C-alpha atoms as a PDB file:
ATOM      1  CA  UNK A   1      -0.362   0.324   0.124  1.00  0.00           C
ATOM      2  CA  UNK A   2       0.965   3.406  -1.237  1.00  0.00           C
ATOM      3  CA  UNK A   3       1.899   6.017   1.963  1.00  0.00           C
ATOM      4  CA  UNK A   4      -0.814   8.680   2.193  1.00  0.00           C
ATOM      5  CA  UNK A   5       0.670  12.191   1.332  1.00  0.00           C
ATOM      6  CA  UNK A   6       2.190  13.937   4.898  1.00  0.00           C
ATOM      7  CA  UNK A   7       3.299  17.557   4.081  1.00  0.00           C
ATOM      8  CA  UNK A   8       7.595  17.034   5.675  1.00  0.00           C
ATOM      9  CA  UNK A   9       8.645  20.726   4.493  1.00  0.00           C
ATOM     10  CA  UNK A  10       6.721  23.857   3.152  1.00  0.00           C
ATOM     11  CA  UNK A  11       5.740  23.909  -0.595  1.00  0.00           C
ATOM     12  CA  UNK A  12       7.411  25.188  -3.766  1.00  0.00           C
ATOM     13  CA  UNK A  13       4.147  24.363  -5.301  1.00  0.00           C
ATOM     14  CA  UNK A  14       2.931  27.810  -6.865  1.00  0.00           C
ATOM     15  CA  UNK A  15      -1.163  27.222  -7.621  1.00  0.00           C
ATOM     16  CA  UNK A  16      -1.259  30.353  -9.601  1.00  0.00           C
ATOM     17  CA  UNK A  17       0.623  28.432 -12.764  1.00  0.00           C
ATOM     18  CA  UNK A  18      -2.826  26.281 -12.877  1.00  0.00           C
ATOM     19  CA  UNK A  19      -4.313  27.134 -15.972  1.00  0.00           C
ATOM     20  CA  UNK A  20      -8.418  27.681 -14.205  1.00  0.00           C
ATOM     21  CA  UNK A  21     -11.238  28.223 -15.730  1.00  0.00           C
ATOM     22  CA  UNK A  22     -13.682  31.685 -16.344  1.00  0.00           C
ATOM     23  CA  UNK A  23     -14.381  30.876 -13.076  1.00  0.00           C
ATOM     24  CA  UNK A  24     -11.119  30.385 -10.555  1.00  0.00           C
ATOM     25  CA  UNK A  25     -11.659  26.330 -11.150  1.00  0.00           C
ATOM     26  CA  UNK A  26      -9.826  23.799 -12.471  1.00  0.00           C
ATOM     27  CA  UNK A  27     -11.563  20.146 -12.627  1.00  0.00           C
ATOM     28  CA  UNK A  28      -9.926  17.129 -10.184  1.00  0.00           C
ATOM     29  CA  UNK A  29     -10.125  13.206 -10.655  1.00  0.00           C
ATOM     30  CA  UNK A  30     -10.321  11.524  -7.711  1.00  0.00           C
ATOM     31  CA  UNK A  31      -8.129   7.640  -8.484  1.00  0.00           C
ATOM     32  CA  UNK A  32      -7.617   5.100  -5.480  1.00  0.00           C
ATOM     33  CA  UNK A  33      -4.245   5.003  -5.791  1.00  0.00           C
ATOM     34  CA  UNK A  34      -3.444   1.355  -4.523  1.00  0.00           C
ATOM     35  CA  UNK A  35      -6.289  -0.354  -7.546  1.00  0.00           C
ATOM     36  CA  UNK A  36      -6.366   2.531 -10.194  1.00  0.00           C
ATOM     37  CA  UNK A  37     -10.534   2.679 -10.028  1.00  0.00           C
ATOM     38  CA  UNK A  38     -11.927   6.361 -10.983  1.00  0.00           C
ATOM     39  CA  UNK A  39     -13.942   7.792  -8.063  1.00  0.00           C
ATOM     40  CA  UNK A  40     -14.677  10.659  -9.121  1.00  0.00           C
ATOM     41  CA  UNK A  41     -14.997  14.596 -10.116  1.00  0.00           C
ATOM     42  CA  UNK A  42     -15.135  18.199  -8.654  1.00  0.00           C
ATOM     43  CA  UNK A  43     -13.604  21.337  -9.171  1.00  0.00           C
ATOM     44  CA  UNK A  44     -10.783  22.809  -6.653  1.00  0.00           C
ATOM     45  CA  UNK A  45      -9.979  26.227  -6.900  1.00  0.00           C
ATOM     46  CA  UNK A  46      -6.421  27.700  -5.974  1.00  0.00           C
ATOM     47  CA  UNK A  47      -7.149  27.422  -2.535  1.00  0.00           C
ATOM     48  CA  UNK A  48      -8.478  24.474  -2.013  1.00  0.00           C
ATOM     49  CA  UNK A  49      -5.648  23.107  -3.754  1.00  0.00           C
ATOM     50  CA  UNK A  50      -3.496  24.429  -1.302  1.00  0.00           C
ATOM     51  CA  UNK A  51      -5.322  23.496   1.267  1.00  0.00           C
ATOM     52  CA  UNK A  52      -4.926  19.274  -0.060  1.00  0.00           C
ATOM     53  CA  UNK A  53      -1.188  20.039  -0.289  1.00  0.00           C
ATOM     54  CA  UNK A  54      -0.836  21.340   3.292  1.00  0.00           C
ATOM     55  CA  UNK A  55      -3.193  18.674   4.705  1.00  0.00           C
ATOM     56  CA  UNK A  56      -3.471  15.976   3.699  1.00  0.00           C
ATOM     57  CA  UNK A  57      -7.086  16.047   3.161  1.00  0.00           C
ATOM     58  CA  UNK A  58      -8.384  15.778   0.014  1.00  0.00           C
ATOM     59  CA  UNK A  59     -10.152  19.182  -0.170  1.00  0.00           C
ATOM     60  CA  UNK A  60     -12.486  20.987  -3.314  1.00  0.00           C
ATOM     61  CA  UNK A  61     -14.554  23.957  -3.383  1.00  0.00           C
ATOM     62  CA  UNK A  62     -18.212  23.619  -4.034  1.00  0.00           C
ATOM     63  CA  UNK A  63     -20.353  25.081  -6.457  1.00  0.00           C
ATOM     64  CA  UNK A  64     -23.622  24.826  -4.994  1.00  0.00           C
ATOM     65  CA  UNK A  65     -22.114  26.316  -1.456  1.00  0.00           C
ATOM     66  CA  UNK A  66     -19.881  28.541  -2.693  1.00  0.00           C
ATOM     67  CA  UNK A  67     -17.963  27.040  -0.018  1.00  0.00           C
ATOM     68  CA  UNK A  68     -15.402  23.916   0.809  1.00  0.00           C
ATOM     69  CA  UNK A  69     -16.387  20.944   1.199  1.00  0.00           C
ATOM     70  CA  UNK A  70     -12.952  19.362   2.674  1.00  0.00           C
ATOM     71  CA  UNK A  71     -14.033  15.087   1.580  1.00  0.00           C
ATOM     72  CA  UNK A  72     -15.687  13.173   3.979  1.00  0.00           C
ATOM     73  CA  UNK A  73     -16.130  15.894   6.555  1.00  0.00           C
ATOM     74  CA  UNK A  74     -19.943  15.112   6.937  1.00  0.00           C
ATOM     75  CA  UNK A  75     -20.071  11.850   5.349  1.00  0.00           C
ATOM     76  CA  UNK A  76     -16.830  10.562   6.896  1.00  0.00           C
ATOM     77  CA  UNK A  77     -15.979   8.784   4.379  1.00  0.00           C
ATOM     78  CA  UNK A  78     -12.204  10.963   4.512  1.00  0.00           C
ATOM     79  CA  UNK A  79      -9.865  11.176   1.116  1.00  0.00           C
ATOM     80  CA  UNK A  80      -6.098  11.119   2.038  1.00  0.00           C
ATOM     81  CA  UNK A  81      -4.060  12.158  -0.276  1.00  0.00           C
ATOM     82  CA  UNK A  82      -1.558   9.991  -1.929  1.00  0.00           C
ATOM     83  CA  UNK A  83       0.066  12.069  -4.489  1.00  0.00           C
ATOM     84  CA  UNK A  84      -1.716  15.196  -6.739  1.00  0.00           C
ATOM     85  CA  UNK A  85      -0.324  15.409 -10.402  1.00  0.00           C
ATOM     86  CA  UNK A  86      -0.944  18.042 -12.483  1.00  0.00           C
ATOM     87  CA  UNK A  87      -1.699  17.217 -16.384  1.00  0.00           C
ATOM     88  CA  UNK A  88       0.770  18.299 -19.537  1.00  0.00           C
ATOM     89  CA  UNK A  89      -1.438  21.078 -19.854  1.00  0.00           C
ATOM     90  CA  UNK A  90      -1.245  22.420 -15.955  1.00  0.00           C
ATOM     91  CA  UNK A  91      -5.679  22.779 -16.857  1.00  0.00           C
ATOM     92  CA  UNK A  92      -6.914  19.795 -15.147  1.00  0.00           C
ATOM     93  CA  UNK A  93      -5.377  17.670 -11.233  1.00  0.00           C
ATOM     94  CA  UNK A  94      -5.632  14.236 -10.269  1.00  0.00           C
ATOM     95  CA  UNK A  95      -5.737  13.689  -6.941  1.00  0.00           C
ATOM     96  CA  UNK A  96      -4.385  10.105  -6.421  1.00  0.00           C
ATOM     97  CA  UNK A  97      -5.995   8.644  -2.846  1.00  0.00           C
ATOM     98  CA  UNK A  98      -7.267   6.461  -0.290  1.00  0.00           C
ATOM     99  CA  UNK A  99     -10.917   6.352  -0.131  1.00  0.00           C
ATOM    100  CA  UNK A 100     -12.645   5.191   3.341  1.00  0.00           C
ATOM    101  CA  UNK A 101     -16.313   4.368   2.092  1.00  0.00           C
ATOM    102  CA  UNK A 102     -17.680   4.616  -0.471  1.00  0.00           C
ATOM    103  CA  UNK A 103     -16.866   8.305  -2.835  1.00  0.00           C
ATOM    104  CA  UNK A 104     -20.728   8.746  -4.415  1.00  0.00           C
ATOM    105  CA  UNK A 105     -23.012  10.921  -2.252  1.00  0.00           C
ATOM    106  CA  UNK A 106     -25.036   8.044  -3.975  1.00  0.00           C
ATOM    107  CA  UNK A 107     -23.654   5.501  -0.824  1.00  0.00           C
ATOM    108  CA  UNK A 108     -21.423   4.004  -4.566  1.00  0.00           C
ATOM    109  CA  UNK A 109     -17.679   3.607  -4.894  1.00  0.00           C
ATOM    110  CA  UNK A 110     -17.309   5.367  -7.648  1.00  0.00           C
ATOM    111  CA  UNK A 111     -19.778   8.116  -8.561  1.00  0.00           C
ATOM    112  CA  UNK A 112     -18.973   6.412 -12.596  1.00  0.00           C
ATOM    113  CA  UNK A 113     -21.452   3.406 -11.755  1.00  0.00           C
ATOM    114  CA  UNK A 114     -23.562   4.176 -14.906  1.00  0.00           C
ATOM    115  CA  UNK A 115     -22.604   2.210 -18.524  1.00  0.00           C
ATOM    116  CA  UNK A 116     -23.631   2.889 -22.030  1.00  0.00           C
ATOM    117  CA  UNK A 117     -24.517  -0.166 -23.641  1.00  0.00           C
ATOM    118  CA  UNK A 118     -25.860  -0.228 -26.809  1.00  0.00           C
ATOM    119  CA  UNK A 119     -27.671   2.980 -26.801  1.00  0.00           C
ATOM    120  CA  UNK A 120     -28.589   1.400 -22.866  1.00  0.00           C
ATOM    121  CA  UNK A 121     -28.113   2.899 -19.822  1.00  0.00           C
ATOM    122  CA  UNK A 122     -26.700   0.050 -17.231  1.00  0.00           C
ATOM    123  CA  UNK A 123     -25.720   0.736 -13.944  1.00  0.00           C
ATOM    124  CA  UNK A 124     -22.888  -0.648 -12.771  1.00  0.00           C
ATOM    125  CA  UNK A 125     -22.672  -0.631  -8.436  1.00  0.00           C
ATOM    126  CA  UNK A 126     -25.367  -0.835  -6.774  1.00  0.00           C
ATOM    127  CA  UNK A 127     -24.996   1.866  -3.428  1.00  0.00           C
ATOM    128  CA  UNK A 128     -22.735  -0.429  -0.334  1.00  0.00           C
ATOM    129  CA  UNK A 129     -24.545  -1.304   3.184  1.00  0.00           C
ATOM    130  CA  UNK A 130     -23.210   1.104   6.177  1.00  0.00           C
END
């Protein structure tokens, strides 16, 4: 199992070097570090990126609430940062995480639980049992 992210020295990374959209947001894909399973996509602003790096707890920006959203803060389904990666265009992030419990608000392991096969939607997984 990979180590969970731990800040050991002050970061020199400057989040302003990322390419944010007109609303000041950048998409961040969360992927289970150990298995490679894609869990979810959410938005971050520069401050959320910095908080994530400082704390090791993945922090997003909630567009609906206009506030920070620390994954698992209310549900207990925490995302511990293992590695944060920047894509080649600097306009998308990949958070390699260790996920505790479901990542989706529907109580499924992944938000990507629906496939389109031969023109039909197919549910791939049921909600997890609490």
